[in-house]
């Protein structure tokens, strides 16, 4: 993913963690578009509203990860490749830290 408003169309980092059942516990699977685990990804982040007084944003996102190993197979004999699509919306997220 790239932000066209950044100089040189800078890369936007994206990551997603899926917790797969593993016996009596859960095994995290991390997918991100930067090292150490790299999976091709593309998508959009749309900021549809900005409240400058309260420094709040609202909008939506859509991210596609390609060639992702099956997150439900912790040690597959023959790994399957999946495409994972994440999409949703957010309202009144505070920009202050």
N, C-alpha and C. Protein backbone atom coordinates (compact mmCIF):
# COMPACT_ATOMS: atom_id res chain seq x y z
N UNK A 1 0.85 -1.16 0.00
CA UNK A 1 0.00 0.00 0.00
C UNK A 1 0.90 1.23 0.00
N UNK A 2 0.46 2.25 -0.70
CA UNK A 2 1.23 3.48 -0.78
C UNK A 2 0.32 4.68 -0.55
N UNK A 3 0.88 5.71 0.05
CA UNK A 3 0.16 6.96 0.25
C UNK A 3 0.62 7.92 -0.85
N UNK A 4 -0.24 8.23 -1.82
CA UNK A 4 0.19 9.08 -2.93
C UNK A 4 0.51 10.51 -2.50
N UNK A 5 0.12 10.92 -1.29
CA UNK A 5 0.41 12.28 -0.83
C UNK A 5 1.80 12.40 -0.22
N UNK A 6 2.45 11.28 0.07
CA UNK A 6 3.79 11.32 0.65
C UNK A 6 4.83 11.45 -0.45
N UNK A 7 5.95 12.13 -0.16
CA UNK A 7 7.01 12.23 -1.17
C UNK A 7 7.48 10.84 -1.60
N UNK A 8 7.59 10.64 -2.87
CA UNK A 8 8.03 9.34 -3.39
C UNK A 8 7.00 8.25 -3.20
N UNK A 9 5.74 8.62 -2.98
CA UNK A 9 4.65 7.65 -2.76
C UNK A 9 5.07 6.62 -1.72
N UNK A 10 5.36 7.10 -0.52
CA UNK A 10 5.84 6.27 0.58
C UNK A 10 4.94 5.10 0.91
N UNK A 11 5.56 4.02 1.37
CA UNK A 11 4.84 2.80 1.72
C UNK A 11 4.09 3.01 3.04
N UNK A 12 2.86 2.55 3.08
CA UNK A 12 2.06 2.56 4.30
C UNK A 12 2.13 1.17 4.90
N UNK A 13 2.50 1.06 6.17
CA UNK A 13 2.60 -0.25 6.81
C UNK A 13 1.22 -0.75 7.21
N UNK A 14 1.02 -2.05 7.02
CA UNK A 14 -0.23 -2.70 7.41
C UNK A 14 0.12 -4.03 8.06
N UNK A 15 -0.59 -4.37 9.13
CA UNK A 15 -0.38 -5.68 9.76
C UNK A 15 -1.71 -6.20 10.29
N UNK A 16 -1.79 -7.52 10.39
CA UNK A 16 -2.99 -8.21 10.82
C UNK A 16 -2.56 -9.45 11.60
N UNK A 17 -3.14 -9.67 12.76
CA UNK A 17 -2.84 -10.86 13.55
C UNK A 17 -4.09 -11.71 13.66
N UNK A 18 -3.95 -12.99 13.29
CA UNK A 18 -5.05 -13.96 13.38
C UNK A 18 -4.66 -14.96 14.46
N UNK A 19 -5.56 -15.22 15.40
CA UNK A 19 -5.29 -16.19 16.46
C UNK A 19 -6.00 -17.50 16.12
N UNK A 20 -5.22 -18.51 15.74
CA UNK A 20 -5.75 -19.81 15.35
C UNK A 20 -5.82 -20.72 16.57
N UNK A 21 -6.89 -21.53 16.69
CA UNK A 21 -6.96 -22.49 17.79
C UNK A 21 -5.80 -23.49 17.68
N UNK A 22 -5.14 -23.76 18.81
CA UNK A 22 -4.03 -24.71 18.85
C UNK A 22 -4.17 -25.52 20.14
N UNK A 23 -5.00 -26.57 20.09
CA UNK A 23 -5.25 -27.37 21.30
C UNK A 23 -6.03 -26.55 22.31
N UNK A 24 -5.48 -26.38 23.49
CA UNK A 24 -6.16 -25.62 24.53
C UNK A 24 -5.74 -24.14 24.53
N UNK A 25 -4.88 -23.75 23.59
CA UNK A 25 -4.45 -22.36 23.51
C UNK A 25 -4.73 -21.80 22.12
N UNK A 26 -4.23 -20.62 21.87
CA UNK A 26 -4.38 -20.00 20.55
C UNK A 26 -3.01 -19.60 20.04
N UNK A 27 -2.75 -19.86 18.77
CA UNK A 27 -1.47 -19.56 18.13
C UNK A 27 -1.62 -18.31 17.27
N UNK A 28 -0.86 -17.24 17.56
CA UNK A 28 -0.97 -16.04 16.72
C UNK A 28 -0.25 -16.23 15.38
N UNK A 29 -0.88 -15.75 14.33
CA UNK A 29 -0.29 -15.72 13.00
C UNK A 29 -0.24 -14.25 12.58
N UNK A 30 0.95 -13.70 12.37
CA UNK A 30 1.11 -12.30 12.01
C UNK A 30 1.31 -12.16 10.52
N UNK A 31 0.53 -11.30 9.90
CA UNK A 31 0.66 -10.99 8.47
C UNK A 31 0.93 -9.50 8.37
N UNK A 32 1.99 -9.15 7.66
CA UNK A 32 2.31 -7.74 7.48
C UNK A 32 3.00 -7.55 6.14
N UNK A 33 3.02 -6.32 5.68
CA UNK A 33 3.63 -6.04 4.39
C UNK A 33 5.04 -5.47 4.53
N UNK A 34 5.69 -5.75 5.67
CA UNK A 34 7.07 -5.33 5.86
C UNK A 34 7.83 -6.44 6.60
N UNK A 35 9.16 -6.37 6.58
CA UNK A 35 9.98 -7.42 7.20
C UNK A 35 9.62 -7.59 8.67
N UNK A 36 9.70 -8.80 9.26
CA UNK A 36 10.31 -10.00 8.71
C UNK A 36 9.37 -10.85 7.87
N UNK A 37 8.07 -10.81 8.10
CA UNK A 37 7.13 -11.61 7.31
C UNK A 37 6.51 -10.71 6.26
N UNK A 38 6.72 -11.06 5.01
CA UNK A 38 6.21 -10.19 3.95
C UNK A 38 5.20 -10.94 3.09
N UNK A 39 4.06 -10.35 2.95
CA UNK A 39 3.00 -10.86 2.09
C UNK A 39 2.50 -9.69 1.27
N UNK A 40 2.35 -9.86 -0.04
CA UNK A 40 1.87 -8.75 -0.85
C UNK A 40 0.51 -8.27 -0.34
N UNK A 41 0.36 -6.98 -0.25
CA UNK A 41 -0.94 -6.45 0.16
C UNK A 41 -1.23 -5.17 -0.59
N UNK A 42 -2.50 -4.90 -0.73
CA UNK A 42 -2.95 -3.65 -1.35
C UNK A 42 -4.24 -3.26 -0.67
N UNK A 43 -4.62 -2.01 -0.80
CA UNK A 43 -5.86 -1.60 -0.18
C UNK A 43 -6.04 -0.10 -0.15
N UNK A 44 -7.07 0.31 0.57
CA UNK A 44 -7.40 1.71 0.69
C UNK A 44 -7.75 2.05 2.12
N UNK A 45 -7.47 3.27 2.49
CA UNK A 45 -7.89 3.84 3.75
C UNK A 45 -8.52 5.17 3.39
N UNK A 46 -9.81 5.31 3.67
CA UNK A 46 -10.54 6.52 3.31
C UNK A 46 -10.94 7.25 4.58
N UNK A 47 -10.46 8.46 4.73
CA UNK A 47 -10.89 9.31 5.84
C UNK A 47 -12.01 10.18 5.30
N UNK A 48 -13.23 9.93 5.77
CA UNK A 48 -14.40 10.62 5.24
C UNK A 48 -14.82 11.82 6.07
N UNK A 49 -14.40 11.86 7.33
CA UNK A 49 -14.75 12.98 8.19
C UNK A 49 -13.58 13.33 9.10
N UNK A 50 -13.42 14.62 9.33
CA UNK A 50 -12.38 15.10 10.25
C UNK A 50 -12.99 16.19 11.11
N UNK A 51 -12.85 16.05 12.43
CA UNK A 51 -13.31 17.04 13.39
C UNK A 51 -12.07 17.74 13.94
N UNK A 52 -11.71 18.91 13.39
CA UNK A 52 -10.47 19.56 13.81
C UNK A 52 -10.50 20.03 15.26
N UNK A 53 -11.66 20.39 15.76
CA UNK A 53 -11.76 20.87 17.14
C UNK A 53 -11.37 19.78 18.14
N UNK A 54 -11.86 18.56 17.91
CA UNK A 54 -11.61 17.44 18.83
C UNK A 54 -10.53 16.49 18.30
N UNK A 55 -10.00 16.76 17.11
CA UNK A 55 -9.00 15.93 16.44
C UNK A 55 -9.45 14.47 16.33
N UNK A 56 -10.62 14.31 15.71
CA UNK A 56 -11.21 12.98 15.50
C UNK A 56 -11.36 12.73 14.00
N UNK A 57 -11.18 11.45 13.60
CA UNK A 57 -11.40 11.07 12.21
C UNK A 57 -12.37 9.89 12.15
N UNK A 58 -13.07 9.80 11.04
CA UNK A 58 -13.95 8.66 10.74
C UNK A 58 -13.70 8.26 9.31
N UNK A 59 -13.94 7.00 9.00
CA UNK A 59 -13.75 6.54 7.64
C UNK A 59 -13.88 5.04 7.50
N UNK A 60 -13.23 4.49 6.47
CA UNK A 60 -13.31 3.06 6.19
C UNK A 60 -11.97 2.57 5.65
N UNK A 61 -11.81 1.24 5.62
CA UNK A 61 -10.59 0.63 5.12
C UNK A 61 -10.92 -0.67 4.41
N UNK A 62 -10.02 -1.05 3.50
CA UNK A 62 -10.11 -2.32 2.77
C UNK A 62 -8.68 -2.74 2.46
N UNK A 63 -8.28 -3.93 2.93
CA UNK A 63 -6.92 -4.43 2.70
C UNK A 63 -7.02 -5.86 2.20
N UNK A 64 -6.27 -6.18 1.15
CA UNK A 64 -6.16 -7.54 0.61
C UNK A 64 -4.73 -8.02 0.78
N UNK A 65 -4.56 -9.18 1.44
CA UNK A 65 -3.27 -9.86 1.53
C UNK A 65 -3.32 -11.05 0.58
N UNK A 66 -2.26 -11.23 -0.21
CA UNK A 66 -2.21 -12.33 -1.18
C UNK A 66 -1.15 -13.34 -0.79
N UNK A 67 -1.32 -14.57 -1.26
CA UNK A 67 -0.35 -15.66 -1.07
C UNK A 67 -0.03 -15.89 0.41
N UNK A 68 -1.07 -15.89 1.22
CA UNK A 68 -0.92 -16.08 2.67
C UNK A 68 -1.09 -17.56 3.00
N UNK A 69 -0.18 -18.15 3.78
CA UNK A 69 -0.38 -19.54 4.20
C UNK A 69 -1.66 -19.66 5.01
N UNK A 70 -2.32 -20.79 4.88
CA UNK A 70 -3.57 -21.04 5.60
C UNK A 70 -3.35 -20.82 7.10
N UNK A 71 -4.03 -19.83 7.70
CA UNK A 71 -3.79 -19.54 9.12
C UNK A 71 -4.30 -20.61 10.07
N UNK A 72 -5.12 -21.53 9.57
CA UNK A 72 -5.66 -22.60 10.43
C UNK A 72 -4.79 -23.84 10.43
N UNK A 73 -3.79 -23.89 9.56
CA UNK A 73 -2.85 -25.02 9.52
C UNK A 73 -1.53 -24.55 10.10
N UNK A 74 -1.24 -24.95 11.34
CA UNK A 74 -0.03 -24.47 12.01
C UNK A 74 1.23 -25.09 11.43
N UNK A 75 1.18 -26.33 11.01
CA UNK A 75 2.33 -27.01 10.39
C UNK A 75 1.82 -27.85 9.23
N UNK A 76 1.40 -27.20 8.14
CA UNK A 76 0.81 -27.95 7.04
C UNK A 76 1.81 -28.80 6.28
N UNK A 77 1.37 -30.00 5.89
CA UNK A 77 2.22 -30.87 5.07
C UNK A 77 2.33 -30.26 3.66
N UNK A 78 1.24 -29.73 3.16
CA UNK A 78 1.21 -29.06 1.86
C UNK A 78 0.51 -27.72 2.08
N UNK A 79 1.27 -26.64 2.21
CA UNK A 79 0.64 -25.36 2.52
C UNK A 79 -0.29 -24.87 1.42
N UNK A 80 -1.44 -24.39 1.84
CA UNK A 80 -2.38 -23.74 0.93
C UNK A 80 -2.10 -22.25 0.94
N UNK A 81 -2.32 -21.59 -0.16
CA UNK A 81 -2.22 -20.14 -0.21
C UNK A 81 -3.62 -19.53 -0.22
N UNK A 82 -3.82 -18.57 0.62
CA UNK A 82 -5.10 -17.89 0.74
C UNK A 82 -4.95 -16.44 0.34
N UNK A 83 -6.10 -15.81 0.12
CA UNK A 83 -6.17 -14.36 0.04
C UNK A 83 -7.05 -13.93 1.20
N UNK A 84 -6.57 -13.01 2.00
CA UNK A 84 -7.32 -12.52 3.15
C UNK A 84 -7.75 -11.09 2.85
N UNK A 85 -9.05 -10.83 3.01
CA UNK A 85 -9.59 -9.50 2.82
C UNK A 85 -10.11 -8.97 4.15
N UNK A 86 -9.66 -7.79 4.52
CA UNK A 86 -10.11 -7.12 5.73
C UNK A 86 -10.78 -5.82 5.31
N UNK A 87 -11.95 -5.57 5.85
CA UNK A 87 -12.60 -4.30 5.57
C UNK A 87 -13.49 -3.91 6.72
N UNK A 88 -13.67 -2.63 6.88
CA UNK A 88 -14.49 -2.15 7.98
C UNK A 88 -14.52 -0.64 8.01
N UNK A 89 -15.01 -0.13 9.11
CA UNK A 89 -15.12 1.31 9.27
C UNK A 89 -14.73 1.70 10.69
N UNK A 90 -14.47 2.97 10.88
CA UNK A 90 -14.12 3.49 12.19
C UNK A 90 -14.78 4.86 12.33
N UNK A 91 -15.15 5.19 13.56
CA UNK A 91 -15.83 6.44 13.85
C UNK A 91 -15.18 7.14 15.03
N UNK A 92 -14.93 8.42 14.87
CA UNK A 92 -14.42 9.27 15.93
C UNK A 92 -13.18 8.72 16.62
N UNK A 93 -12.18 8.36 15.82
CA UNK A 93 -10.90 7.89 16.35
C UNK A 93 -10.07 9.12 16.70
N UNK A 94 -9.56 9.15 17.91
CA UNK A 94 -8.80 10.29 18.42
C UNK A 94 -7.39 10.28 17.83
N UNK A 95 -6.96 11.40 17.25
CA UNK A 95 -5.62 11.50 16.68
C UNK A 95 -4.58 11.87 17.72
N UNK A 96 -4.99 12.28 18.89
CA UNK A 96 -4.04 12.65 19.95
C UNK A 96 -3.40 11.39 20.54
N UNK A 97 -2.14 11.53 20.95
CA UNK A 97 -1.45 10.40 21.59
C UNK A 97 -1.41 10.61 23.07
